[in-house]
C-alpha atoms as a PDB file:
ATOM      1  CA  MET A   1       0.248  -0.043   0.233  1.00  0.00           C
ATOM      2  CA  THR A   2       1.541   3.327  -0.946  1.00  0.00           C
ATOM      3  CA  THR A   3       1.379   6.098   1.251  1.00  0.00           C
ATOM      4  CA  ASN A   4       0.259   9.586  -0.259  1.00  0.00           C
ATOM      5  CA  TRP A   5       2.515  12.312   1.065  1.00  0.00           C
ATOM      6  CA  ALA A   6       2.032  15.841   0.928  1.00  0.00           C
ATOM      7  CA  THR A   7       3.114  19.242   1.579  1.00  0.00           C
ATOM      8  CA  THR A   8       1.190  21.482   3.921  1.00  0.00           C
ATOM      9  CA  ARG A   9       0.127  24.000   0.958  1.00  0.00           C
ATOM     10  CA  LYS A  10      -1.264  20.660  -0.802  1.00  0.00           C
ATOM     11  CA  ALA A  11      -2.750  18.779   2.224  1.00  0.00           C
ATOM     12  CA  SER A  12      -4.354  22.238   2.838  1.00  0.00           C
ATOM     13  CA  ASP A  13      -6.157  22.033  -0.819  1.00  0.00           C
ATOM     14  CA  TYR A  14      -7.365  18.747  -0.463  1.00  0.00           C
ATOM     15  CA  LEU A  15      -8.817  18.760   3.299  1.00  0.00           C
ATOM     16  CA  GLY A  16     -10.442  22.401   2.476  1.00  0.00           C
ATOM     17  CA  VAL A  17      -8.754  24.061   5.617  1.00  0.00           C
ATOM     18  CA  SER A  18      -6.166  26.646   5.746  1.00  0.00           C
ATOM     19  CA  GLU A  19      -2.296  26.084   6.517  1.00  0.00           C
ATOM     20  CA  SER A  20      -2.468  27.925  10.144  1.00  0.00           C
ATOM     21  CA  THR A  21      -5.635  25.385  10.759  1.00  0.00           C
ATOM     22  CA  LEU A  22      -3.466  22.300   9.682  1.00  0.00           C
ATOM     23  CA  TYR A  23      -0.827  23.720  12.369  1.00  0.00           C
ATOM     24  CA  LEU A  24      -3.260  24.104  15.013  1.00  0.00           C
ATOM     25  CA  LEU A  25      -4.503  20.563  14.265  1.00  0.00           C
ATOM     26  CA  ARG A  26      -0.991  19.125  14.893  1.00  0.00           C
ATOM     27  CA  ARG A  27      -0.017  21.456  17.914  1.00  0.00           C
ATOM     28  CA  ASP A  28      -3.524  20.446  19.450  1.00  0.00           C
ATOM     29  CA  GLU A  29      -2.546  16.630  18.302  1.00  0.00           C
ATOM     30  CA  VAL A  30      -6.198  16.544  16.455  1.00  0.00           C
ATOM     31  CA  LEU A  31      -3.518  15.148  14.305  1.00  0.00           C
ATOM     32  CA  LYS A  32      -0.744  12.601  15.127  1.00  0.00           C
ATOM     33  CA  ALA A  33       2.712  12.359  14.757  1.00  0.00           C
ATOM     34  CA  ASN A  34       3.808   9.936  12.322  1.00  0.00           C
ATOM     35  CA  ILE A  35       0.669   8.793  11.845  1.00  0.00           C
ATOM     36  CA  ASP A  36      -1.238  11.908  10.023  1.00  0.00           C
ATOM     37  CA  TRP A  37       2.048  13.620   9.682  1.00  0.00           C
ATOM     38  CA  ARG A  38       5.848  13.490   9.692  1.00  0.00           C
ATOM     39  CA  ARG A  39       8.793  15.766   9.201  1.00  0.00           C
ATOM     40  CA  LYS A  40      10.438  15.894   5.975  1.00  0.00           C
ATOM     41  CA  PHE A  41      13.879  15.914   7.805  1.00  0.00           C
ATOM     42  CA  PRO A  42      14.905  14.875  11.553  1.00  0.00           C
ATOM     43  CA  SER A  43      14.765  18.261  12.750  1.00  0.00           C
ATOM     44  CA  ASN A  44      12.357  20.634  14.074  1.00  0.00           C
ATOM     45  CA  LYS A  45      12.838  22.663  11.626  1.00  0.00           C
ATOM     46  CA  SER A  46      12.191  20.620   9.219  1.00  0.00           C
ATOM     47  CA  GLY A  47       8.986  20.860   6.906  1.00  0.00           C
ATOM     48  CA  VAL A  48       5.974  18.343   6.899  1.00  0.00           C
ATOM     49  CA  LEU A  49       4.420  15.941   4.973  1.00  0.00           C
ATOM     50  CA  TYR A  50       0.850  15.075   5.616  1.00  0.00           C
ATOM     51  CA  ASP A  51      -0.837  11.407   4.534  1.00  0.00           C
ATOM     52  CA  LEU A  52      -3.613  12.700   2.916  1.00  0.00           C
ATOM     53  CA  GLU A  53      -6.026   9.731   3.449  1.00  0.00           C
ATOM     54  CA  GLN A  54      -4.885   9.215   6.948  1.00  0.00           C
ATOM     55  CA  CYS A  55      -5.629  12.815   7.492  1.00  0.00           C
ATOM     56  CA  GLU A  56      -8.758  12.638   6.104  1.00  0.00           C
ATOM     57  CA  ARG A  57     -10.292   9.164   7.999  1.00  0.00           C
ATOM     58  CA  THR A  58      -8.953  11.210  11.484  1.00  0.00           C
ATOM     59  CA  LEU A  59     -10.659  14.373  10.768  1.00  0.00           C
ATOM     60  CA  GLN A  60     -13.655  12.813   9.976  1.00  0.00           C
ATOM     61  CA  ALA A  61     -13.826  10.323  12.679  1.00  0.00           C
ATOM     62  CA  ARG A  62     -12.961  13.636  15.172  1.00  0.00           C
ATOM     63  CA  PHE A  63     -15.735  15.896  13.412  1.00  0.00           C
ATOM     64  CA  GLU A  64     -18.517  14.090  11.980  1.00  0.00           C
ATOM     65  CA  THR A  65     -21.471  14.434  14.178  1.00  0.00           C
ATOM     66  CA  ASP A  66     -23.423  11.502  15.465  1.00  0.00           C
ATOM     67  CA  SER A  67     -27.425  12.250  16.671  1.00  0.00           C
ATOM     68  CA  LYS A  68     -26.051   9.297  19.361  1.00  0.00           C
ATOM     69  CA  THR A  69     -23.136  11.550  20.950  1.00  0.00           C
ATOM     70  CA  LEU A  70     -25.244  14.982  20.255  1.00  0.00           C
ATOM     71  CA  GLU A  71     -25.970  16.594  23.626  1.00  0.00           C
ATOM     72  CA  LEU A  72     -29.256  18.118  23.570  1.00  0.00           C
ATOM     73  CA  ALA A  73     -29.887  21.431  24.808  1.00  0.00           C
ATOM     74  CA  ARG A  74     -32.125  21.574  27.692  1.00  0.00           C
ATOM     75  CA  ALA A  75     -34.762  24.765  28.161  1.00  0.00           C
END
């Protein structure tokens, strides 16, 4: 199985979110290192690459709404 790794700009376009949103998702650990994204080189200043299909699955699982998990507002 081949993985489709992409730069931040391409991942941003593919996922329909801004580059800064991708950064926030990484910072808040919604997107996990070495699962959803990885560094190009082993350095903190290195750019990152995203596994597009894994990111899409992660975001769908995290943000999809399900009627069983919704909290109902009480009046």
